[in-house]
Structure formats: C-alpha cells, structure tokens
Amino acid sequence: MMRPGIFIFEPRLGGHHLSWLRYLSEDLLAAGFTVSLAVDLRPGKRELIEGHLADLLPEVRVYSAYDPNGHYRAGGKTSSLSRCFAESLAEQIFLPNFDEVASSWLRRAAFGWCPPKAFRGRLNAIYFRPRFLADRGWPPGNLVKAWGFNRLCRQGWFNNLYLLDEYLVDKVKGVRVSRLPDPFSGEYGRDKSLARQRLGLPAEAFVFLHYGLGTRRKGLHLVHAAMRQPGMEGVFLLQAGVVADDQDLLRGSAELAAQGRALVLNRYVTQEEEELCFAAADIVLLPYCGHFGSSAVLSRAAASGKAVIVSDDALLGRRVRDHRLGLLVEPGKESSLATAMTGAMGFGPDERERYRQAALNYAAGCTRQAFREVIVNSLSVG
C-alpha cells in the first residue's frame, strides 16, 4: 500500500528544531512515506541543513521557505507554507512546531478567518505550548485562542494533533490527539569517571549540570547565586550551552570558572559532548522561571539515570512529582535552590538508587522508538 506524501514545513533551525526535523524525516522515510521539506536555505543556514541531514537529502525533496531576498516566500509565513505545499504535490502537511503559526491562526479563526482551504483536513501539528488549554480564561487572549482552536477542530482542519503535555491531552475535543514523548537520542549511560576525564572535570567533585541556553528564563542567574551561598564552596558547576548576552550571567559564569568551581562551555555543544555532560554530572538543574511546557533536558537527565532539581511549577514540576524524579524548589528563589542542592549532596546510596531507577523508568517512554511509533501509527490511520 502506497503511503501518502508528507510535506514538512520547518523554517527555523535553532534549539530543538533541526534535531526534530531529522527525527521526523528519518521516521517517515523509514515507514515508506514520500517526504518533502520546506526549510531555511539562506546562506549560513543551508550549510546547517546539509550537514545535519546529509544522508537524508537524496531521499527527500527540498524547498526554500524564503525568497532570494531572505523574506518568507509570497510575503509571509502562511503564504510561504501554502506556496511550498502546492509545489510539493503532497497529500498531508506536517508542522513540527505549530506554535510558529498558532497564535495568528487561532485568533483569526475565532472571528471566522480560517487557514487556506487547501489545508483543511491535512494538518498534522506538534503543539509545544498550548497555554490556553491550561487556562482558557487568563490572560483574556487565551479565551480568543480557545474559540479559534475549537472552531478549527469542529470544522475538521486537523488530521492529527500532538501534545507533549500528557495532562492536556484529555482537554482536546473534536480532533485525533496523541501525547508525543520529548525524545532523546544517544548514549547517555556512559561511564562517569571516563566522562569526567574527557571533559577535564575534577574526579571527586560533586558536579551539578546546567544544560542548554544560559538565560534567566532557564534559571542560570539562580544557579550562580546559589553557588555563592555559604556551605556551597565545595560544589562544582558544569555549565554547557550558549550564554545569553546578559552581562550579569556572563560575569557570573566567568567568576565561577576563574575560582576553579565551574567548567563553562559557552558555545554550541556537540552531541558527544552533550552525552558526556550528562554522564559526568551527579545532579541536573532545571530551576526554570515561568517555563511552560516540556523540556528535552529532563528526558536526557532521565536517560542518564540522574536525579533533577526542578522549579515546582507547571508541567515540569508535576512530572517530577508524579514520577519521583528529584527535588522541587520554589520558583525564582536562589535560597530554595541552594537548600535543595545541599540536600542532594547528602543523598545516601539507597536514595540515589531510587532516583536512578525512577529516572530510567521515565526515560523508557522517551526513546526515539516511542516517538517514532506515535508519529507513524497516527499517520497510518485512515
């Protein structure tokens, strides 16, 4: 049986976007679908696409989401999507990041202005941050988005919708919706001692890992402040990921590194380095501030068998509590974070093993195979 052609529209390459583009392309091709991509082929971006998808490019059709002047084709994101989809001759559209267009589409749909007719019944979309599903009444704009979303669902615009928040799936009506795991791919169970040697970390130190973009939203300022608290002198910080252009964050990173209390990898971290970072750590820090939605860091921490320290807020806080993955701290409070870090250093062997087993159990649901099965099975339904 011939599989339908799938057109993937992914105009962004930062963060998780490029990795997820590869995941989807790999899985759909392996399942026998014909795949077309509309991506960023502007100078400097094309090289990223070609490097990351080199082995897949001969098997897919590739279109540029941008015109020669560097703007979206046909004058806008939706227009570019429409133009590229028509050229691809595919039967289905896949939006790896529905958030790119959701706010505009849902607000317009609330007043009767729906997406292009050619999209109806053909939209397959991963929705990372459907805030209005968590609270439809506040802020007031959420109510408008909810009206628009309900209209699109009732009128059959979606073929499949995917949510990363397992607690919101039952709140969606009128559309086929699946919970999609936040996947990891790689070898996260490496030997801790060897990983520390490779990274140049002190062999006997207690190492906390802060991984990903170094921003205030990710709580890096709280980590720096906690490291300055009394009693934290023997703690070592492994900080990996590009630090935002924030002088306080840059200064805090530099000071800890100069004191010999931190290794700061302020740059793009390779896949191998990422795996080494998680293997080398004792505890992973996610003291996020106002974060809504999932986190790939949690999946990777779980895959490495490490406990986490997480802000007691929204989805991540609830996951950590329900799956017993680590310690919860008061959002935005460095004193609460420092207390939790001190407490984590005092874990005994039995406690460490309980957290390790809980982490690995959670990680079993976040594998590439689990991700692949959700995507392929949903698209295989009539």
Protein backbone atom coordinates (compact mmCIF):
# COMPACT_ATOMS: atom_id res chain seq x y z
CA MET A 1 0.00 0.00 0.00
CA MET A 2 1.38 3.38 -1.03
CA ARG A 3 1.89 5.86 1.78
CA PRO A 4 0.73 9.45 1.25
CA GLY A 5 3.27 12.18 0.60
CA ILE A 6 4.11 14.26 3.68
CA PHE A 7 5.19 17.89 3.41
CA ILE A 8 7.15 19.18 6.42
CA PHE A 9 7.34 22.95 6.95
CA GLU A 10 10.20 23.89 9.29
CA PRO A 11 11.55 27.41 8.72
CA ARG A 12 13.62 27.53 11.92
CA LEU A 13 16.84 25.73 12.80
CA GLY A 14 17.69 26.81 16.35
CA GLY A 15 17.16 24.87 19.57
CA HIS A 16 15.38 21.57 19.05
CA HIS A 17 14.16 22.39 15.53
CA LEU A 18 16.95 20.81 13.50
CA SER A 19 17.07 17.65 15.60
CA TRP A 20 13.32 17.16 15.40
CA LEU A 21 13.38 17.77 11.65
CA ARG A 22 15.81 14.90 11.37
CA TYR A 23 13.75 12.67 13.66
CA LEU A 24 10.60 13.20 11.60
CA SER A 25 12.33 12.81 8.24
CA GLU A 26 14.05 9.60 9.36
CA ASP A 27 10.91 8.06 10.77
CA LEU A 28 8.61 8.95 7.89
CA LEU A 29 11.07 7.76 5.26
CA ALA A 30 11.64 4.51 7.15
CA ALA A 31 7.88 3.96 7.23
CA GLY A 32 7.59 4.36 3.47
CA PHE A 33 6.21 7.88 3.22
CA THR A 34 7.35 10.26 0.49
CA VAL A 35 8.81 13.31 2.24
CA SER A 36 9.20 16.93 1.14
CA LEU A 37 10.79 19.66 3.25
CA ALA A 38 10.45 23.43 3.21
CA VAL A 39 13.38 24.79 5.22
CA ASP A 40 15.75 27.73 5.60
CA LEU A 41 18.20 27.59 2.70
CA ARG A 42 19.61 31.09 3.17
CA PRO A 43 23.40 31.47 3.29
CA GLY A 44 24.73 30.24 6.61
CA LYS A 45 21.62 28.15 7.19
CA ARG A 46 21.88 25.89 4.16
CA GLU A 47 25.17 24.56 5.48
CA LEU A 48 23.48 23.51 8.75
CA ILE A 49 20.77 21.68 6.84
CA GLU A 50 23.26 19.96 4.56
CA GLY A 51 25.50 18.95 7.46
CA HIS A 52 22.74 17.65 9.72
CA LEU A 53 20.64 15.92 7.07
CA ALA A 54 23.37 14.94 4.61
CA ASP A 55 22.42 11.26 4.43
CA LEU A 56 18.69 12.02 4.12
CA LEU A 57 18.74 14.77 1.50
CA PRO A 58 19.00 12.40 -1.50
CA GLU A 59 15.72 10.82 -0.36
CA VAL A 60 13.64 13.98 0.09
CA ARG A 61 12.52 16.94 -1.95
CA VAL A 62 13.71 20.25 -0.54
CA TYR A 63 12.12 23.67 -0.99
CA SER A 64 13.19 27.03 0.33
CA ALA A 65 10.77 28.67 2.75
CA TYR A 66 12.43 32.01 1.91
CA ASP A 67 12.78 34.06 -1.25
CA PRO A 68 16.13 35.30 -2.66
CA ASN A 69 15.82 38.47 -0.57
CA GLY A 70 15.69 36.49 2.66
CA HIS A 71 11.97 37.01 3.31
CA TYR A 72 9.26 34.38 3.55
CA ARG A 73 8.06 33.37 0.12
CA ALA A 74 4.88 35.07 -1.09
CA GLY A 75 5.13 37.65 1.69
CA GLY A 76 4.52 35.74 4.91
CA LYS A 77 4.84 32.51 6.87
CA THR A 78 1.40 31.15 5.98
CA SER A 79 1.78 32.22 2.37
CA SER A 80 5.17 30.51 2.17
CA LEU A 81 3.68 27.35 3.66
CA SER A 82 0.84 27.45 1.13
CA ARG A 83 3.14 28.03 -1.86
CA CYS A 84 5.62 25.30 -0.90
CA PHE A 85 2.86 22.81 -0.10
CA ALA A 86 1.27 23.35 -3.51
CA GLU A 87 4.61 22.82 -5.25
CA SER A 88 5.32 19.64 -3.28
CA LEU A 89 2.13 17.90 -4.52
CA ALA A 90 2.00 16.14 -1.12
CA GLU A 91 -1.24 14.95 0.44
CA GLN A 92 -0.52 15.90 4.05
CA ILE A 93 1.15 18.82 5.86
CA PHE A 94 3.30 18.27 8.95
CA LEU A 95 4.08 21.24 11.18
CA PRO A 96 6.84 20.22 13.65
CA ASN A 97 6.22 23.43 15.57
CA PHE A 98 2.58 24.56 15.33
CA ASP A 99 3.48 27.38 17.75
CA GLU A 100 5.04 29.16 14.74
CA VAL A 101 1.58 29.97 13.35
CA ALA A 102 -0.82 29.05 16.16
CA SER A 103 -1.33 32.49 17.73
CA SER A 104 -2.18 34.10 14.40
CA TRP A 105 -4.28 31.25 13.09
CA LEU A 106 -6.29 30.76 16.27
CA ARG A 107 -7.04 34.44 16.77
CA ARG A 108 -8.16 34.78 13.16
CA ALA A 109 -10.20 31.59 13.29
CA ALA A 110 -12.06 32.93 16.35
CA PHE A 111 -13.54 35.57 14.03
CA GLY A 112 -14.14 33.21 11.12
CA TRP A 113 -10.93 33.69 9.12
CA CYS A 114 -9.54 30.20 8.75
CA PRO A 115 -6.30 28.98 7.12
CA PRO A 116 -6.15 28.38 3.35
CA LYS A 117 -8.80 25.89 2.20
CA ALA A 118 -6.13 23.52 0.83
CA PHE A 119 -5.00 22.86 4.43
CA ARG A 120 -8.37 21.57 5.65
CA GLY A 121 -8.16 18.01 6.92
CA ARG A 122 -4.48 17.82 6.05
CA LEU A 123 -2.82 19.44 9.05
CA ASN A 124 -0.64 17.33 11.34
CA ALA A 125 0.83 19.56 14.01
CA ILE A 126 3.02 19.32 17.11
CA TYR A 127 1.85 21.94 19.58
CA PHE A 128 4.51 22.64 22.20
CA ARG A 129 2.93 25.39 24.29
CA PRO A 130 -0.89 25.44 24.08
CA ARG A 131 -1.18 27.77 27.06
CA PHE A 132 -4.91 28.35 26.56
CA LEU A 133 -5.59 24.65 27.21
CA ALA A 134 -4.08 25.01 30.68
CA ASP A 135 -6.08 28.17 31.45
CA ARG A 136 -8.66 29.25 28.89
CA GLY A 137 -9.71 32.32 30.82
CA TRP A 138 -6.42 34.05 31.64
CA PRO A 139 -4.94 36.09 30.18
CA PRO A 140 -8.03 37.16 28.20
CA GLY A 141 -6.29 36.41 24.88
CA ASN A 142 -6.39 32.73 25.82
CA LEU A 143 -10.18 32.77 25.56
CA VAL A 144 -9.99 34.08 21.98
CA LYS A 145 -7.45 31.40 21.07
CA ALA A 146 -9.66 28.73 22.61
CA TRP A 147 -12.60 29.89 20.46
CA GLY A 148 -10.46 29.75 17.34
CA PHE A 149 -8.99 26.36 18.24
CA ASN A 150 -12.41 24.87 18.88
CA ARG A 151 -13.64 26.14 15.52
CA LEU A 152 -10.71 24.57 13.65
CA CYS A 153 -11.28 21.29 15.49
CA ARG A 154 -15.04 21.24 14.83
CA GLN A 155 -14.58 22.05 11.17
CA GLY A 156 -12.03 19.27 10.63
CA TRP A 157 -8.86 21.22 9.85
CA PHE A 158 -6.57 18.83 11.73
CA ASN A 159 -5.72 15.30 10.69
CA ASN A 160 -3.55 14.76 13.79
CA LEU A 161 -2.54 16.93 16.71
CA TYR A 162 0.36 16.08 19.00
CA LEU A 163 0.89 17.45 22.51
CA LEU A 164 3.97 17.00 24.68
CA ASP A 165 1.93 17.69 27.82
CA GLU A 166 0.25 14.43 28.83
CA TYR A 167 -2.02 16.27 31.26
CA LEU A 168 -3.65 18.37 28.49
CA VAL A 169 -4.50 15.61 26.01
CA ASP A 170 -7.95 14.95 27.50
CA LYS A 171 -8.84 18.63 27.22
CA VAL A 172 -8.86 18.50 23.40
CA LYS A 173 -12.13 17.52 21.71
CA GLY A 174 -13.08 17.01 18.09
CA VAL A 175 -9.66 16.01 16.76
CA ARG A 176 -7.40 12.97 16.91
CA VAL A 177 -4.80 13.91 19.51
CA SER A 178 -1.73 11.98 20.69
CA ARG A 179 0.69 12.51 23.52
CA LEU A 180 4.16 12.77 21.96
CA PRO A 181 7.21 12.00 24.12
CA ASP A 182 10.04 14.52 24.31
CA PRO A 183 12.68 12.16 22.90
CA PHE A 184 16.37 11.66 23.46
CA SER A 185 18.76 10.05 21.03
CA GLY A 186 22.25 8.97 22.01
CA GLU A 187 24.30 7.14 24.60
CA TYR A 188 23.60 8.79 27.95
CA GLY A 189 24.66 5.88 30.14
CA ARG A 190 28.39 6.44 29.68
CA ASP A 191 30.86 5.83 32.48
CA LYS A 192 31.00 8.82 34.84
CA SER A 193 34.74 8.66 35.51
CA LEU A 194 35.66 8.45 31.84
CA ALA A 195 33.24 11.27 31.00
CA ARG A 196 34.88 13.50 33.61
CA GLN A 197 38.31 12.70 32.22
CA ARG A 198 37.20 13.60 28.72
CA LEU A 199 35.75 16.91 29.87
CA GLY A 200 38.58 17.75 32.28
CA LEU A 201 36.37 17.77 35.38
CA PRO A 202 37.67 17.07 38.89
CA ALA A 203 37.26 13.36 39.52
CA GLU A 204 35.93 13.55 43.09
CA ALA A 205 33.86 16.73 42.95
CA PHE A 206 30.08 16.81 43.35
CA VAL A 207 29.00 18.11 39.94
CA PHE A 208 25.77 19.93 39.15
CA LEU A 209 24.88 20.32 35.48
CA HIS A 210 23.04 23.28 33.97
CA TYR A 211 22.49 22.41 30.32
CA GLY A 212 21.08 24.39 27.40
CA LEU A 213 20.70 28.08 26.73
CA GLY A 214 22.12 30.14 29.57
CA THR A 215 19.27 32.55 30.23
CA ARG A 216 17.35 33.93 33.18
CA ARG A 217 14.28 32.04 31.98
CA LYS A 218 16.31 28.86 32.41
CA GLY A 219 17.33 30.00 35.89
CA LEU A 220 21.05 30.40 35.30
CA HIS A 221 21.15 33.53 37.47
CA LEU A 222 19.66 31.48 40.33
CA VAL A 223 22.32 28.80 39.89
CA HIS A 224 25.09 31.40 40.08
CA ALA A 225 23.51 32.95 43.17
CA ALA A 226 23.08 29.56 44.85
CA MET A 227 26.73 28.74 44.19
CA ARG A 228 27.69 31.82 46.23
CA GLN A 229 25.69 30.74 49.29
CA PRO A 230 27.56 29.69 52.46
CA GLY A 231 28.32 25.99 52.51
CA MET A 232 28.49 25.68 48.73
CA GLU A 233 32.24 26.17 48.46
CA GLY A 234 32.94 22.53 47.54
CA VAL A 235 30.31 22.35 44.80
CA PHE A 236 31.32 22.24 41.13
CA LEU A 237 29.15 23.54 38.28
CA LEU A 238 29.24 22.15 34.76
CA GLN A 239 27.56 24.81 32.63
CA ALA A 240 27.06 23.83 29.00
CA GLY A 241 25.34 25.88 26.33
CA VAL A 242 25.45 29.36 24.85
CA VAL A 243 25.06 32.08 27.48
CA ALA A 244 22.72 34.92 26.66
CA ASP A 245 24.07 38.39 26.01
CA ASP A 246 23.50 39.31 29.65
CA GLN A 247 26.44 40.89 31.46
CA ASP A 248 25.44 39.54 34.86
CA LEU A 249 25.19 35.98 33.54
CA LEU A 250 28.47 36.28 31.64
CA ARG A 251 30.18 37.76 34.69
CA GLY A 252 28.81 35.07 37.00
CA SER A 253 29.99 32.34 34.65
CA ALA A 254 33.46 33.87 34.37
CA GLU A 255 33.83 34.34 38.14
CA LEU A 256 33.00 30.72 38.95
CA ALA A 257 35.32 29.49 36.21
CA ALA A 258 38.15 31.73 37.49
CA GLN A 259 37.67 30.32 41.01
CA GLY A 260 38.05 26.79 39.66
CA ARG A 261 34.47 25.99 40.66
CA ALA A 262 32.97 25.68 37.20
CA LEU A 263 33.61 24.46 33.69
CA VAL A 264 31.76 26.79 31.34
CA LEU A 265 31.16 25.62 27.77
CA ASN A 266 29.71 28.85 26.40
CA ARG A 267 29.15 27.59 22.85
CA TYR A 268 27.26 25.10 20.75
CA VAL A 269 27.75 21.69 22.35
CA THR A 270 28.13 18.66 20.10
CA GLN A 271 26.08 15.50 20.53
CA GLU A 272 29.04 13.65 22.02
CA GLU A 273 29.80 16.48 24.44
CA GLU A 274 26.16 16.54 25.47
CA GLU A 275 26.26 12.84 26.31
CA LEU A 276 29.48 13.33 28.27
CA CYS A 277 27.98 16.22 30.25
CA PHE A 278 25.01 14.21 31.45
CA ALA A 279 27.18 11.18 32.22
CA ALA A 280 29.65 13.30 34.22
CA ALA A 281 27.02 15.04 36.37
CA ASP A 282 25.70 13.99 39.75
CA ILE A 283 22.53 16.11 39.60
CA VAL A 284 20.89 18.07 36.76
CA LEU A 285 19.49 21.56 37.48
CA LEU A 286 16.30 22.89 35.88
CA PRO A 287 15.33 25.89 38.07
CA TYR A 288 13.34 27.44 35.24
CA CYS A 289 11.40 30.66 35.69
CA GLY A 290 7.97 30.89 34.09
CA HIS A 291 8.65 27.94 31.81
CA PHE A 292 5.59 26.44 30.16
CA GLY A 293 5.78 23.04 28.51
CA SER A 294 8.21 20.18 28.25
CA SER A 295 12.00 20.11 28.37
CA ALA A 296 14.42 17.92 26.45
CA VAL A 297 16.84 18.35 29.35
CA LEU A 298 14.55 16.34 31.61
CA SER A 299 14.46 13.45 29.11
CA ARG A 300 18.25 13.43 28.86
CA ALA A 301 18.73 13.60 32.61
CA ALA A 302 16.39 10.63 32.94
CA ALA A 303 18.25 8.70 30.24
CA SER A 304 21.48 9.22 32.19
CA GLY A 305 19.82 7.97 35.39
CA LYS A 306 20.31 11.29 37.18
CA ALA A 307 18.02 12.99 39.65
CA VAL A 308 16.96 16.56 38.90
CA ILE A 309 16.25 19.74 40.83
CA VAL A 310 13.30 21.47 39.21
CA SER A 311 11.11 24.51 39.86
CA ASP A 312 7.80 23.44 41.38
CA ASP A 313 5.83 24.97 38.55
CA ALA A 314 3.67 23.88 35.60
CA LEU A 315 4.38 20.70 33.63
CA LEU A 316 7.96 20.02 34.73
CA GLY A 317 7.12 20.33 38.40
CA ARG A 318 4.16 18.00 38.03
CA ARG A 319 6.17 15.41 36.10
CA VAL A 320 8.96 15.39 38.64
CA ARG A 321 6.47 14.98 41.47
CA ASP A 322 4.40 12.27 39.78
CA HIS A 323 7.41 10.24 38.59
CA ARG A 324 9.57 10.98 41.67
CA LEU A 325 12.46 12.19 39.56
CA GLY A 326 14.09 14.56 42.02
CA LEU A 327 13.65 17.61 44.25
CA LEU A 328 11.29 20.53 43.76
CA VAL A 329 12.21 24.12 44.63
CA GLU A 330 10.30 27.36 44.97
CA PRO A 331 10.38 29.11 41.58
CA GLY A 332 12.70 32.11 41.43
CA LYS A 333 14.27 31.58 44.89
CA GLU A 334 18.03 31.02 44.99
CA SER A 335 17.83 30.17 48.71
CA SER A 336 15.41 27.33 47.95
CA LEU A 337 17.68 26.13 45.15
CA ALA A 338 20.76 26.23 47.39
CA THR A 339 18.94 24.24 50.09
CA ALA A 340 17.94 21.60 47.55
CA MET A 341 21.47 21.41 46.15
CA THR A 342 22.84 20.87 49.65
CA GLY A 343 20.20 18.23 50.27
CA ALA A 344 21.04 16.42 47.02
CA MET A 345 24.69 16.22 48.04
CA GLY A 346 23.57 14.28 51.12
CA PHE A 347 21.72 11.53 49.23
CA GLY A 348 22.67 8.10 50.54
CA PRO A 349 23.22 5.06 48.30
CA ASP A 350 19.63 3.82 48.61
CA GLU A 351 18.18 7.23 47.78
CA ARG A 352 20.48 7.65 44.79
CA GLU A 353 19.44 4.21 43.51
CA ARG A 354 15.72 5.01 43.90
CA TYR A 355 16.14 8.16 41.85
CA ARG A 356 18.21 6.30 39.25
CA GLN A 357 15.55 3.64 38.79
CA ALA A 358 12.76 6.22 38.61
CA ALA A 359 14.73 8.18 36.01
CA LEU A 360 15.37 5.14 33.83
CA ASN A 361 11.72 4.09 34.05
CA TYR A 362 10.66 7.54 32.89
CA ALA A 363 13.27 7.56 30.11
CA ALA A 364 11.88 4.31 28.72
CA GLY A 365 8.88 6.29 27.49
CA CYS A 366 11.03 8.99 25.86
CA THR A 367 13.04 6.91 23.40
CA ARG A 368 13.29 7.51 19.68
CA GLN A 369 11.32 4.31 19.17
CA ALA A 370 8.47 5.62 21.34
CA PHE A 371 8.48 8.88 19.36
CA ARG A 372 8.53 7.02 16.04
CA GLU A 373 5.63 4.77 16.97
CA VAL A 374 3.36 7.71 17.88
CA ILE A 375 4.12 9.57 14.64
CA VAL A 376 3.93 6.64 12.23
CA ASN A 377 0.92 4.94 13.82
CA SER A 378 -1.12 8.16 13.86
CA LEU A 379 -0.35 8.93 10.21
CA SER A 380 -1.17 5.37 9.21
CA VAL A 381 -4.76 5.72 10.45
CA GLY A 382 -7.20 6.25 7.58
